[in-house]
Amino acid sequence: MTFKPSDGADGKLEWIKSTYSSDDGPSCVEVATTLATVYVRDSKTPDGFRLGLTPTAWATFLPYASGR
């Protein structure tokens, strides 16, 4: 997955939906990045909880999430 970090200048994040998610399925994960943080949220509740990770923590997590 390739990310284009938001500069955060306007306070808005550009959310990218996982290719494994579908509009009608239970797995709806979205990710947004800034230079310092990778945010993860449930697309079904966009105003809900957001998990913020450092880029290093995100890179460490990805192999476990993808099952590789």
N, C-alpha and C. Protein backbone atom coordinates (compact mmCIF):
# COMPACT_ATOMS: atom_id res chain seq x y z
N MET A 1 0.85 -1.16 0.00
CA MET A 1 0.00 0.00 0.00
C MET A 1 0.90 1.23 0.00
N THR A 2 0.59 2.20 -0.83
CA THR A 2 1.37 3.42 -0.91
C THR A 2 0.56 4.56 -0.32
N PHE A 3 1.20 5.38 0.49
CA PHE A 3 0.52 6.49 1.12
C PHE A 3 1.07 7.81 0.63
N LYS A 4 0.21 8.80 0.55
CA LYS A 4 0.60 10.16 0.27
C LYS A 4 0.31 10.95 1.54
N PRO A 5 1.34 11.24 2.34
CA PRO A 5 1.08 11.94 3.60
C PRO A 5 0.44 13.30 3.38
N SER A 6 -0.51 13.61 4.26
CA SER A 6 -1.12 14.93 4.27
C SER A 6 -0.19 15.87 5.02
N ASP A 7 -0.11 17.11 4.57
CA ASP A 7 0.74 18.05 5.29
C ASP A 7 0.06 18.56 6.55
N GLY A 8 -1.25 18.31 6.67
CA GLY A 8 -2.00 18.71 7.85
C GLY A 8 -2.26 20.21 7.95
N ALA A 9 -1.90 20.96 6.92
CA ALA A 9 -2.04 22.41 6.98
C ALA A 9 -3.50 22.85 7.13
N ASP A 10 -4.41 22.13 6.51
CA ASP A 10 -5.81 22.51 6.59
C ASP A 10 -6.56 21.74 7.68
N GLY A 11 -5.85 20.89 8.42
CA GLY A 11 -6.47 20.13 9.51
C GLY A 11 -7.27 18.93 9.04
N LYS A 12 -7.31 18.68 7.74
CA LYS A 12 -8.09 17.56 7.22
C LYS A 12 -7.15 16.43 6.82
N LEU A 13 -7.61 15.22 7.02
CA LEU A 13 -6.85 14.04 6.63
C LEU A 13 -7.46 13.44 5.39
N GLU A 14 -6.64 12.86 4.54
CA GLU A 14 -7.12 12.14 3.36
C GLU A 14 -7.17 10.67 3.72
N TRP A 15 -8.39 10.14 3.88
CA TRP A 15 -8.58 8.75 4.30
C TRP A 15 -8.60 7.83 3.09
N ILE A 16 -7.91 6.70 3.21
CA ILE A 16 -7.83 5.70 2.15
C ILE A 16 -8.43 4.40 2.68
N LYS A 17 -9.42 3.87 1.97
CA LYS A 17 -10.08 2.64 2.40
C LYS A 17 -9.26 1.44 1.97
N SER A 18 -9.17 0.46 2.83
CA SER A 18 -8.45 -0.77 2.53
C SER A 18 -9.06 -1.46 1.31
N THR A 19 -8.21 -2.02 0.48
CA THR A 19 -8.71 -2.75 -0.69
C THR A 19 -9.40 -4.05 -0.28
N TYR A 20 -9.20 -4.48 0.96
CA TYR A 20 -9.87 -5.67 1.48
C TYR A 20 -11.26 -5.35 2.01
N SER A 21 -11.61 -4.09 2.11
CA SER A 21 -12.91 -3.67 2.62
C SER A 21 -13.88 -3.52 1.48
N SER A 22 -15.15 -3.70 1.80
CA SER A 22 -16.21 -3.46 0.82
C SER A 22 -17.29 -2.63 1.50
N ASP A 23 -18.15 -2.02 0.70
CA ASP A 23 -19.21 -1.19 1.26
C ASP A 23 -20.22 -2.00 2.06
N ASP A 24 -20.38 -3.27 1.73
CA ASP A 24 -21.38 -4.08 2.41
C ASP A 24 -20.78 -5.12 3.36
N GLY A 25 -19.49 -5.13 3.50
CA GLY A 25 -18.84 -6.12 4.35
C GLY A 25 -18.54 -5.61 5.74
N PRO A 26 -18.18 -6.52 6.64
CA PRO A 26 -17.91 -6.13 8.02
C PRO A 26 -16.52 -5.51 8.21
N SER A 27 -15.61 -5.71 7.29
CA SER A 27 -14.24 -5.23 7.46
C SER A 27 -14.04 -3.93 6.71
N CYS A 28 -14.18 -2.83 7.41
CA CYS A 28 -14.07 -1.53 6.76
C CYS A 28 -13.03 -0.69 7.49
N VAL A 29 -11.81 -0.77 7.03
CA VAL A 29 -10.70 -0.06 7.66
C VAL A 29 -10.22 1.03 6.73
N GLU A 30 -9.97 2.22 7.29
CA GLU A 30 -9.41 3.33 6.54
C GLU A 30 -8.16 3.82 7.25
N VAL A 31 -7.23 4.35 6.45
CA VAL A 31 -5.96 4.84 6.97
C VAL A 31 -5.71 6.22 6.40
N ALA A 32 -5.15 7.10 7.23
CA ALA A 32 -4.72 8.43 6.79
C ALA A 32 -3.35 8.68 7.40
N THR A 33 -2.51 9.40 6.69
CA THR A 33 -1.16 9.63 7.19
C THR A 33 -0.81 11.11 7.21
N THR A 34 0.02 11.46 8.16
CA THR A 34 0.72 12.74 8.17
C THR A 34 2.20 12.37 8.21
N LEU A 35 3.05 13.34 8.26
CA LEU A 35 4.48 13.01 8.31
C LEU A 35 4.86 12.31 9.61
N ALA A 36 4.11 12.56 10.69
CA ALA A 36 4.47 12.01 11.99
C ALA A 36 3.57 10.88 12.47
N THR A 37 2.38 10.71 11.88
CA THR A 37 1.41 9.76 12.42
C THR A 37 0.66 9.03 11.32
N VAL A 38 0.39 7.75 11.55
CA VAL A 38 -0.49 6.96 10.70
C VAL A 38 -1.76 6.73 11.52
N TYR A 39 -2.90 7.18 11.00
CA TYR A 39 -4.18 7.05 11.68
C TYR A 39 -4.98 5.91 11.05
N VAL A 40 -5.69 5.16 11.90
CA VAL A 40 -6.53 4.05 11.46
C VAL A 40 -7.91 4.26 12.08
N ARG A 41 -8.96 4.03 11.29
CA ARG A 41 -10.32 4.15 11.82
C ARG A 41 -11.24 3.15 11.14
N ASP A 42 -12.39 2.94 11.74
CA ASP A 42 -13.46 2.12 11.18
C ASP A 42 -14.28 3.03 10.27
N SER A 43 -14.37 2.70 8.99
CA SER A 43 -15.07 3.58 8.05
C SER A 43 -16.57 3.66 8.33
N LYS A 44 -17.11 2.71 9.07
CA LYS A 44 -18.54 2.75 9.41
C LYS A 44 -18.84 3.81 10.46
N THR A 45 -17.81 4.22 11.22
CA THR A 45 -17.97 5.27 12.23
C THR A 45 -16.85 6.30 12.07
N PRO A 46 -16.91 7.11 11.01
CA PRO A 46 -15.82 8.04 10.70
C PRO A 46 -15.56 9.09 11.77
N ASP A 47 -16.55 9.39 12.59
CA ASP A 47 -16.35 10.36 13.67
C ASP A 47 -15.98 9.69 14.99
N GLY A 48 -15.79 8.38 14.94
CA GLY A 48 -15.46 7.63 16.15
C GLY A 48 -13.98 7.62 16.45
N PHE A 49 -13.59 6.63 17.21
CA PHE A 49 -12.22 6.48 17.67
C PHE A 49 -11.24 6.33 16.51
N ARG A 50 -10.09 6.98 16.63
CA ARG A 50 -9.00 6.85 15.65
C ARG A 50 -7.74 6.40 16.39
N LEU A 51 -7.13 5.40 15.88
CA LEU A 51 -5.88 4.92 16.43
C LEU A 51 -4.74 5.64 15.74
N GLY A 52 -3.83 6.23 16.49
CA GLY A 52 -2.69 6.92 15.92
C GLY A 52 -1.40 6.17 16.22
N LEU A 53 -0.63 5.88 15.19
CA LEU A 53 0.61 5.14 15.34
C LEU A 53 1.77 5.93 14.72
N THR A 54 2.96 5.71 15.26
CA THR A 54 4.14 6.28 14.60
C THR A 54 4.37 5.49 13.31
N PRO A 55 5.03 6.08 12.33
CA PRO A 55 5.33 5.32 11.11
C PRO A 55 6.12 4.03 11.39
N THR A 56 7.00 4.06 12.38
CA THR A 56 7.77 2.86 12.73
C THR A 56 6.86 1.77 13.28
N ALA A 57 5.94 2.15 14.18
CA ALA A 57 5.00 1.17 14.74
C ALA A 57 4.10 0.60 13.64
N TRP A 58 3.66 1.45 12.71
CA TRP A 58 2.82 0.99 11.60
C TRP A 58 3.57 -0.02 10.74
N ALA A 59 4.82 0.29 10.41
CA ALA A 59 5.63 -0.61 9.59
C ALA A 59 5.85 -1.95 10.29
N THR A 60 5.98 -1.93 11.61
CA THR A 60 6.15 -3.17 12.38
C THR A 60 4.86 -3.98 12.38
N PHE A 61 3.70 -3.30 12.43
CA PHE A 61 2.40 -3.95 12.47
C PHE A 61 1.99 -4.58 11.14
N LEU A 62 2.32 -3.95 10.03
CA LEU A 62 1.82 -4.38 8.71
C LEU A 62 2.05 -5.84 8.37
N PRO A 63 3.23 -6.42 8.61
CA PRO A 63 3.40 -7.85 8.28
C PRO A 63 2.41 -8.75 9.02
N TYR A 64 2.03 -8.38 10.23
CA TYR A 64 1.06 -9.18 10.99
C TYR A 64 -0.34 -9.01 10.45
N ALA A 65 -0.67 -7.81 9.99
CA ALA A 65 -2.01 -7.53 9.46
C ALA A 65 -2.22 -8.21 8.12
N SER A 66 -1.18 -8.30 7.33
CA SER A 66 -1.33 -8.88 6.00
C SER A 66 -1.16 -10.40 6.01
N GLY A 67 -0.74 -10.94 7.14
CA GLY A 67 -0.58 -12.40 7.23
C GLY A 67 0.67 -12.90 6.54
N ARG A 68 1.61 -12.04 6.28
CA ARG A 68 2.83 -12.44 5.58
C ARG A 68 3.99 -12.53 6.52
